[in-house]
Amino acid sequence: MLSGKYVVSWLWKPQAQKNLALNKALCETRLCRKVRKMMPEEYTAYDNQFKTLLKEGHIELLPNDCVPQTFLLH
């Protein structure tokens, strides 16, 4: 626990991190396809879920100058 939050490490072995692809394009493509297939009420629910996760501190926005190690599909 860290500040009352459950924290987990990456899902893969530490030595595998150096071989991770950034895969931003793959994640963006998958997200665009998912959003295109959604009905308006599904999109609203999806958007609200992310807003709730952000507000509750389960996820966070990265600063514009931050380059992530990789992107995870969801």
PDB file of N, CA and C in Angstrom:
ATOM      1  N   MET A   1       0.850  -1.181   0.000  1.00  0.00           N
ATOM      2  CA  MET A   1       0.000   0.000   0.000  1.00  0.00           C
ATOM      3  C   MET A   1       0.892   1.239   0.000  1.00  0.00           C
ATOM      4  N   LEU A   2       0.475   2.194  -0.775  1.00  0.00           N
ATOM      5  CA  LEU A   2       1.183   3.469  -0.867  1.00  0.00           C
ATOM      6  C   LEU A   2       0.142   4.562  -0.761  1.00  0.00           C
ATOM      7  N   SER A   3       0.181   5.343   0.287  1.00  0.00           N
ATOM      8  CA  SER A   3      -0.795   6.418   0.518  1.00  0.00           C
ATOM      9  C   SER A   3      -2.227   5.885   0.465  1.00  0.00           C
ATOM     10  N   GLY A   4      -2.447   4.718   1.024  1.00  0.00           N
ATOM     11  CA  GLY A   4      -3.783   4.145   1.049  1.00  0.00           C
ATOM     12  C   GLY A   4      -4.230   3.542  -0.265  1.00  0.00           C
ATOM     13  N   LYS A   5      -3.320   3.436  -1.242  1.00  0.00           N
ATOM     14  CA  LYS A   5      -3.663   2.870  -2.550  1.00  0.00           C
ATOM     15  C   LYS A   5      -2.849   1.603  -2.778  1.00  0.00           C
ATOM     16  N   TYR A   6      -3.468   0.643  -3.416  1.00  0.00           N
ATOM     17  CA  TYR A   6      -2.801  -0.599  -3.768  1.00  0.00           C
ATOM     18  C   TYR A   6      -1.968  -0.356  -5.017  1.00  0.00           C
ATOM     19  N   VAL A   7      -0.689  -0.643  -4.948  1.00  0.00           N
ATOM     20  CA  VAL A   7       0.224  -0.411  -6.069  1.00  0.00           C
ATOM     21  C   VAL A   7       0.808  -1.745  -6.505  1.00  0.00           C
ATOM     22  N   VAL A   8       0.803  -1.981  -7.802  1.00  0.00           N
ATOM     23  CA  VAL A   8       1.395  -3.202  -8.347  1.00  0.00           C
ATOM     24  C   VAL A   8       2.497  -2.832  -9.326  1.00  0.00           C
ATOM     25  N   SER A   9       3.403  -3.750  -9.530  1.00  0.00           N
ATOM     26  CA  SER A   9       4.475  -3.524 -10.494  1.00  0.00           C
ATOM     27  C   SER A   9       4.009  -3.939 -11.887  1.00  0.00           C
ATOM     28  N   TRP A  10       4.875  -3.738 -12.861  1.00  0.00           N
ATOM     29  CA  TRP A  10       4.576  -4.169 -14.221  1.00  0.00           C
ATOM     30  C   TRP A  10       4.222  -5.648 -14.222  1.00  0.00           C
ATOM     31  N   LEU A  11       3.456  -6.065 -15.194  1.00  0.00           N
ATOM     32  CA  LEU A  11       2.999  -7.453 -15.277  1.00  0.00           C
ATOM     33  C   LEU A  11       4.063  -8.404 -15.810  1.00  0.00           C
ATOM     34  N   TRP A  12       5.185  -7.886 -16.239  1.00  0.00           N
ATOM     35  CA  TRP A  12       6.222  -8.727 -16.817  1.00  0.00           C
ATOM     36  C   TRP A  12       7.497  -8.612 -15.991  1.00  0.00           C
ATOM     37  N   LYS A  13       8.432  -9.480 -16.269  1.00  0.00           N
ATOM     38  CA  LYS A  13       9.692  -9.514 -15.542  1.00  0.00           C
ATOM     39  C   LYS A  13      10.483  -8.235 -15.810  1.00  0.00           C
ATOM     40  N   PRO A  14      11.223  -7.751 -14.803  1.00  0.00           N
ATOM     41  CA  PRO A  14      11.976  -6.495 -14.961  1.00  0.00           C
ATOM     42  C   PRO A  14      12.903  -6.480 -16.171  1.00  0.00           C
ATOM     43  N   GLN A  15      13.571  -7.586 -16.461  1.00  0.00           N
ATOM     44  CA  GLN A  15      14.498  -7.606 -17.589  1.00  0.00           C
ATOM     45  C   GLN A  15      13.780  -7.513 -18.936  1.00  0.00           C
ATOM     46  N   ALA A  16      12.484  -7.787 -18.972  1.00  0.00           N
ATOM     47  CA  ALA A  16      11.722  -7.721 -20.223  1.00  0.00           C
ATOM     48  C   ALA A  16      11.347  -6.288 -20.580  1.00  0.00           C
ATOM     49  N   GLN A  17      11.395  -5.367 -19.623  1.00  0.00           N
ATOM     50  CA  GLN A  17      10.977  -3.987 -19.879  1.00  0.00           C
ATOM     51  C   GLN A  17      11.771  -3.337 -21.000  1.00  0.00           C
ATOM     52  N   LYS A  18      13.059  -3.672 -21.114  1.00  0.00           N
ATOM     53  CA  LYS A  18      13.886  -3.044 -22.153  1.00  0.00           C
ATOM     54  C   LYS A  18      13.437  -3.439 -23.560  1.00  0.00           C
ATOM     55  N   ASN A  19      12.655  -4.516 -23.682  1.00  0.00           N
ATOM     56  CA  ASN A  19      12.198  -4.990 -24.988  1.00  0.00           C
ATOM     57  C   ASN A  19      10.762  -4.568 -25.321  1.00  0.00           C
ATOM     58  N   LEU A  20      10.147  -3.771 -24.455  1.00  0.00           N
ATOM     59  CA  LEU A  20       8.772  -3.350 -24.702  1.00  0.00           C
ATOM     60  C   LEU A  20       8.708  -2.339 -25.838  1.00  0.00           C
ATOM     61  N   ALA A  21       7.734  -2.500 -26.678  1.00  0.00           N
ATOM     62  CA  ALA A  21       7.505  -1.537 -27.754  1.00  0.00           C
ATOM     63  C   ALA A  21       6.666  -0.387 -27.200  1.00  0.00           C
ATOM     64  N   LEU A  22       6.825   0.780 -27.758  1.00  0.00           N
ATOM     65  CA  LEU A  22       6.038   1.923 -27.311  1.00  0.00           C
ATOM     66  C   LEU A  22       4.569   1.696 -27.666  1.00  0.00           C
ATOM     67  N   ASN A  23       4.269   1.093 -28.770  1.00  0.00           N
ATOM     68  CA  ASN A  23       2.959   0.684 -29.291  1.00  0.00           C
ATOM     69  C   ASN A  23       1.845   1.723 -29.173  1.00  0.00           C
ATOM     70  N   LYS A  24       2.204   2.993 -29.232  1.00  0.00           N
ATOM     71  CA  LYS A  24       1.210   4.058 -29.157  1.00  0.00           C
ATOM     72  C   LYS A  24       0.242   3.986 -30.341  1.00  0.00           C
ATOM     73  N   ALA A  25       0.767   3.792 -31.537  1.00  0.00           N
ATOM     74  CA  ALA A  25      -0.089   3.745 -32.730  1.00  0.00           C
ATOM     75  C   ALA A  25      -1.102   2.609 -32.636  1.00  0.00           C
ATOM     76  N   LEU A  26      -0.670   1.449 -32.163  1.00  0.00           N
ATOM     77  CA  LEU A  26      -1.571   0.300 -31.998  1.00  0.00           C
ATOM     78  C   LEU A  26      -2.698   0.638 -31.015  1.00  0.00           C
ATOM     79  N   CYS A  27      -2.339   1.251 -29.901  1.00  0.00           N
ATOM     80  CA  CYS A  27      -3.350   1.604 -28.892  1.00  0.00           C
ATOM     81  C   CYS A  27      -4.327   2.655 -29.418  1.00  0.00           C
ATOM     82  N   GLU A  28      -3.813   3.650 -30.140  1.00  0.00           N
ATOM     83  CA  GLU A  28      -4.685   4.681 -30.697  1.00  0.00           C
ATOM     84  C   GLU A  28      -5.638   4.094 -31.730  1.00  0.00           C
ATOM     85  N   THR A  29      -5.135   3.196 -32.579  1.00  0.00           N
ATOM     86  CA  THR A  29      -5.976   2.557 -33.594  1.00  0.00           C
ATOM     87  C   THR A  29      -7.080   1.739 -32.943  1.00  0.00           C
ATOM     88  N   ARG A  30      -6.716   0.963 -31.924  1.00  0.00           N
ATOM     89  CA  ARG A  30      -7.714   0.145 -31.240  1.00  0.00           C
ATOM     90  C   ARG A  30      -8.761   1.014 -30.555  1.00  0.00           C
ATOM     91  N   LEU A  31      -8.338   2.100 -29.931  1.00  0.00           N
ATOM     92  CA  LEU A  31      -9.278   3.007 -29.280  1.00  0.00           C
ATOM     93  C   LEU A  31     -10.231   3.635 -30.302  1.00  0.00           C
ATOM     94  N   CYS A  32      -9.696   4.073 -31.434  1.00  0.00           N
ATOM     95  CA  CYS A  32     -10.549   4.679 -32.471  1.00  0.00           C
ATOM     96  C   CYS A  32     -11.589   3.687 -32.977  1.00  0.00           C
ATOM     97  N   ARG A  33     -11.184   2.442 -33.190  1.00  0.00           N
ATOM     98  CA  ARG A  33     -12.139   1.415 -33.631  1.00  0.00           C
ATOM     99  C   ARG A  33     -13.217   1.186 -32.584  1.00  0.00           C
ATOM    100  N   LYS A  34     -12.793   1.107 -31.329  1.00  0.00           N
ATOM    101  CA  LYS A  34     -13.737   0.877 -30.238  1.00  0.00           C
ATOM    102  C   LYS A  34     -14.753   2.026 -30.159  1.00  0.00           C
ATOM    103  N   VAL A  35     -14.273   3.253 -30.237  1.00  0.00           N
ATOM    104  CA  VAL A  35     -15.146   4.423 -30.137  1.00  0.00           C
ATOM    105  C   VAL A  35     -16.108   4.492 -31.324  1.00  0.00           C
ATOM    106  N   ARG A  36     -15.610   4.165 -32.526  1.00  0.00           N
ATOM    107  CA  ARG A  36     -16.454   4.196 -33.727  1.00  0.00           C
ATOM    108  C   ARG A  36     -17.635   3.240 -33.622  1.00  0.00           C
ATOM    109  N   LYS A  37     -17.428   2.106 -32.963  1.00  0.00           N
ATOM    110  CA  LYS A  37     -18.477   1.092 -32.849  1.00  0.00           C
ATOM    111  C   LYS A  37     -19.475   1.384 -31.729  1.00  0.00           C
ATOM    112  N   MET A  38     -19.158   2.343 -30.876  1.00  0.00           N
ATOM    113  CA  MET A  38     -20.018   2.612 -29.716  1.00  0.00           C
ATOM    114  C   MET A  38     -21.259   3.408 -30.093  1.00  0.00           C
ATOM    115  N   MET A  39     -22.340   3.082 -29.413  1.00  0.00           N
ATOM    116  CA  MET A  39     -23.551   3.898 -29.492  1.00  0.00           C
ATOM    117  C   MET A  39     -23.299   5.120 -28.613  1.00  0.00           C
ATOM    118  N   PRO A  40     -24.005   6.229 -28.837  1.00  0.00           N
ATOM    119  CA  PRO A  40     -23.762   7.439 -28.043  1.00  0.00           C
ATOM    120  C   PRO A  40     -23.815   7.209 -26.525  1.00  0.00           C
ATOM    121  N   GLU A  41     -24.769   6.405 -26.072  1.00  0.00           N
ATOM    122  CA  GLU A  41     -24.867   6.173 -24.620  1.00  0.00           C
ATOM    123  C   GLU A  41     -23.697   5.320 -24.110  1.00  0.00           C
ATOM    124  N   GLU A  42     -23.166   4.432 -24.958  1.00  0.00           N
ATOM    125  CA  GLU A  42     -21.991   3.649 -24.569  1.00  0.00           C
ATOM    126  C   GLU A  42     -20.760   4.554 -24.453  1.00  0.00           C
ATOM    127  N   TYR A  43     -20.638   5.473 -25.416  1.00  0.00           N
ATOM    128  CA  TYR A  43     -19.512   6.402 -25.380  1.00  0.00           C
ATOM    129  C   TYR A  43     -19.578   7.264 -24.119  1.00  0.00           C
ATOM    130  N   THR A  44     -20.764   7.736 -23.781  1.00  0.00           N
ATOM    131  CA  THR A  44     -20.935   8.559 -22.580  1.00  0.00           C
ATOM    132  C   THR A  44     -20.547   7.769 -21.332  1.00  0.00           C
ATOM    133  N   ALA A  45     -20.976   6.517 -21.242  1.00  0.00           N
ATOM    134  CA  ALA A  45     -20.632   5.670 -20.099  1.00  0.00           C
ATOM    135  C   ALA A  45     -19.122   5.421 -20.039  1.00  0.00           C
ATOM    136  N   TYR A  46     -18.508   5.176 -21.187  1.00  0.00           N
ATOM    137  CA  TYR A  46     -17.067   4.939 -21.285  1.00  0.00           C
ATOM    138  C   TYR A  46     -16.305   6.179 -20.809  1.00  0.00           C
ATOM    139  N   ASP A  47     -16.727   7.336 -21.309  1.00  0.00           N
ATOM    140  CA  ASP A  47     -16.106   8.604 -20.940  1.00  0.00           C
ATOM    141  C   ASP A  47     -16.283   8.885 -19.448  1.00  0.00           C
ATOM    142  N   ASN A  48     -17.480   8.650 -18.943  1.00  0.00           N
ATOM    143  CA  ASN A  48     -17.740   8.877 -17.521  1.00  0.00           C
ATOM    144  C   ASN A  48     -16.892   7.973 -16.637  1.00  0.00           C
ATOM    145  N   GLN A  49     -16.682   6.732 -17.079  1.00  0.00           N
ATOM    146  CA  GLN A  49     -15.856   5.806 -16.300  1.00  0.00           C
ATOM    147  C   GLN A  49     -14.433   6.331 -16.171  1.00  0.00           C
ATOM    148  N   PHE A  50     -13.871   6.819 -17.266  1.00  0.00           N
ATOM    149  CA  PHE A  50     -12.517   7.350 -17.200  1.00  0.00           C
ATOM    150  C   PHE A  50     -12.459   8.615 -16.349  1.00  0.00           C
ATOM    151  N   LYS A  51     -13.463   9.464 -16.446  1.00  0.00           N
ATOM    152  CA  LYS A  51     -13.515  10.665 -15.603  1.00  0.00           C
ATOM    153  C   LYS A  51     -13.585  10.286 -14.129  1.00  0.00           C
ATOM    154  N   THR A  52     -14.353   9.253 -13.801  1.00  0.00           N
ATOM    155  CA  THR A  52     -14.458   8.787 -12.416  1.00  0.00           C
ATOM    156  C   THR A  52     -13.124   8.235 -11.933  1.00  0.00           C
ATOM    157  N   LEU A  53     -12.475   7.408 -12.748  1.00  0.00           N
ATOM    158  CA  LEU A  53     -11.171   6.856 -12.379  1.00  0.00           C
ATOM    159  C   LEU A  53     -10.153   7.964 -12.147  1.00  0.00           C
ATOM    160  N   LEU A  54     -10.193   8.997 -12.976  1.00  0.00           N
ATOM    161  CA  LEU A  54      -9.286  10.133 -12.838  1.00  0.00           C
ATOM    162  C   LEU A  54      -9.589  10.906 -11.553  1.00  0.00           C
ATOM    163  N   LYS A  55     -10.852  11.187 -11.322  1.00  0.00           N
ATOM    164  CA  LYS A  55     -11.265  11.951 -10.142  1.00  0.00           C
ATOM    165  C   LYS A  55     -10.914  11.216  -8.849  1.00  0.00           C
ATOM    166  N   GLU A  56     -11.059   9.905  -8.843  1.00  0.00           N
ATOM    167  CA  GLU A  56     -10.787   9.108  -7.646  1.00  0.00           C
ATOM    168  C   GLU A  56      -9.295   8.788  -7.476  1.00  0.00           C
ATOM    169  N   GLY A  57      -8.485   9.202  -8.444  1.00  0.00           N
ATOM    170  CA  GLY A  57      -7.046   9.009  -8.333  1.00  0.00           C
ATOM    171  C   GLY A  57      -6.540   7.635  -8.742  1.00  0.00           C
ATOM    172  N   HIS A  58      -7.389   6.845  -9.404  1.00  0.00           N
ATOM    173  CA  HIS A  58      -6.960   5.512  -9.853  1.00  0.00           C
ATOM    174  C   HIS A  58      -6.098   5.587 -11.106  1.00  0.00           C
ATOM    175  N   ILE A  59      -6.288   6.635 -11.881  1.00  0.00           N
ATOM    176  CA  ILE A  59      -5.455   6.899 -13.052  1.00  0.00           C
ATOM    177  C   ILE A  59      -5.034   8.359 -12.981  1.00  0.00           C
ATOM    178  N   GLU A  60      -4.034   8.729 -13.756  1.00  0.00           N
ATOM    179  CA  GLU A  60      -3.588  10.114 -13.761  1.00  0.00           C
ATOM    180  C   GLU A  60      -3.156  10.514 -15.167  1.00  0.00           C
ATOM    181  N   LEU A  61      -3.267  11.800 -15.436  1.00  0.00           N
ATOM    182  CA  LEU A  61      -2.801  12.336 -16.706  1.00  0.00           C
ATOM    183  C   LEU A  61      -1.299  12.532 -16.629  1.00  0.00           C
ATOM    184  N   LEU A  62      -0.620  12.212 -17.707  1.00  0.00           N
ATOM    185  CA  LEU A  62       0.815  12.442 -17.757  1.00  0.00           C
ATOM    186  C   LEU A  62       1.088  13.870 -18.209  1.00  0.00           C
ATOM    187  N   PRO A  63       2.133  14.482 -17.693  1.00  0.00           N
ATOM    188  CA  PRO A  63       2.512  15.805 -18.202  1.00  0.00           C
ATOM    189  C   PRO A  63       2.858  15.698 -19.689  1.00  0.00           C
ATOM    190  N   ASN A  64       2.667  16.786 -20.413  1.00  0.00           N
ATOM    191  CA  ASN A  64       2.916  16.777 -21.858  1.00  0.00           C
ATOM    192  C   ASN A  64       4.353  16.408 -22.205  1.00  0.00           C
ATOM    193  N   ASP A  65       5.297  16.719 -21.328  1.00  0.00           N
ATOM    194  CA  ASP A  65       6.699  16.439 -21.626  1.00  0.00           C
ATOM    195  C   ASP A  65       7.146  15.041 -21.184  1.00  0.00           C
ATOM    196  N   CYS A  66       6.220  14.244 -20.681  1.00  0.00           N
ATOM    197  CA  CYS A  66       6.532  12.889 -20.215  1.00  0.00           C
ATOM    198  C   CYS A  66       6.357  11.887 -21.360  1.00  0.00           C
ATOM    199  N   VAL A  67       7.370  11.058 -21.537  1.00  0.00           N
ATOM    200  CA  VAL A  67       7.297  10.000 -22.556  1.00  0.00           C
ATOM    201  C   VAL A  67       7.156   8.671 -21.815  1.00  0.00           C
ATOM    202  N   PRO A  68       5.996   8.008 -21.940  1.00  0.00           N
ATOM    203  CA  PRO A  68       5.805   6.739 -21.227  1.00  0.00           C
ATOM    204  C   PRO A  68       6.692   5.634 -21.782  1.00  0.00           C
ATOM    205  N   GLN A  69       6.929   4.626 -20.934  1.00  0.00           N
ATOM    206  CA  GLN A  69       7.731   3.474 -21.370  1.00  0.00           C
ATOM    207  C   GLN A  69       6.978   2.670 -22.412  1.00  0.00           C
ATOM    208  N   THR A  70       5.686   2.561 -22.259  1.00  0.00           N
ATOM    209  CA  THR A  70       4.850   1.809 -23.184  1.00  0.00           C
ATOM    210  C   THR A  70       3.394   2.216 -22.960  1.00  0.00           C
ATOM    211  N   PHE A  71       2.518   1.794 -23.817  1.00  0.00           N
ATOM    212  CA  PHE A  71       1.085   2.039 -23.665  1.00  0.00           C
ATOM    213  C   PHE A  71       0.400   0.688 -23.510  1.00  0.00           C
ATOM    214  N   LEU A  72      -0.619   0.639 -22.665  1.00  0.00           N
ATOM    215  CA  LEU A  72      -1.354  -0.604 -22.454  1.00  0.00           C
ATOM    216  C   LEU A  72      -2.702  -0.533 -23.137  1.00  0.00           C
ATOM    217  N   LEU A  73      -3.066  -1.561 -23.859  1.00  0.00           N
ATOM    218  CA  LEU A  73      -4.393  -1.632 -24.483  1.00  0.00           C
ATOM    219  C   LEU A  73      -5.437  -1.859 -23.399  1.00  0.00           C
ATOM    220  N   HIS A  74      -6.621  -1.375 -23.627  1.00  0.00           N
ATOM    221  CA  HIS A  74      -7.708  -1.648 -22.683  1.00  0.00           C
ATOM    222  C   HIS A  74      -8.965  -1.934 -23.450  1.00  0.00           C
TER     223      HIS A  74
END
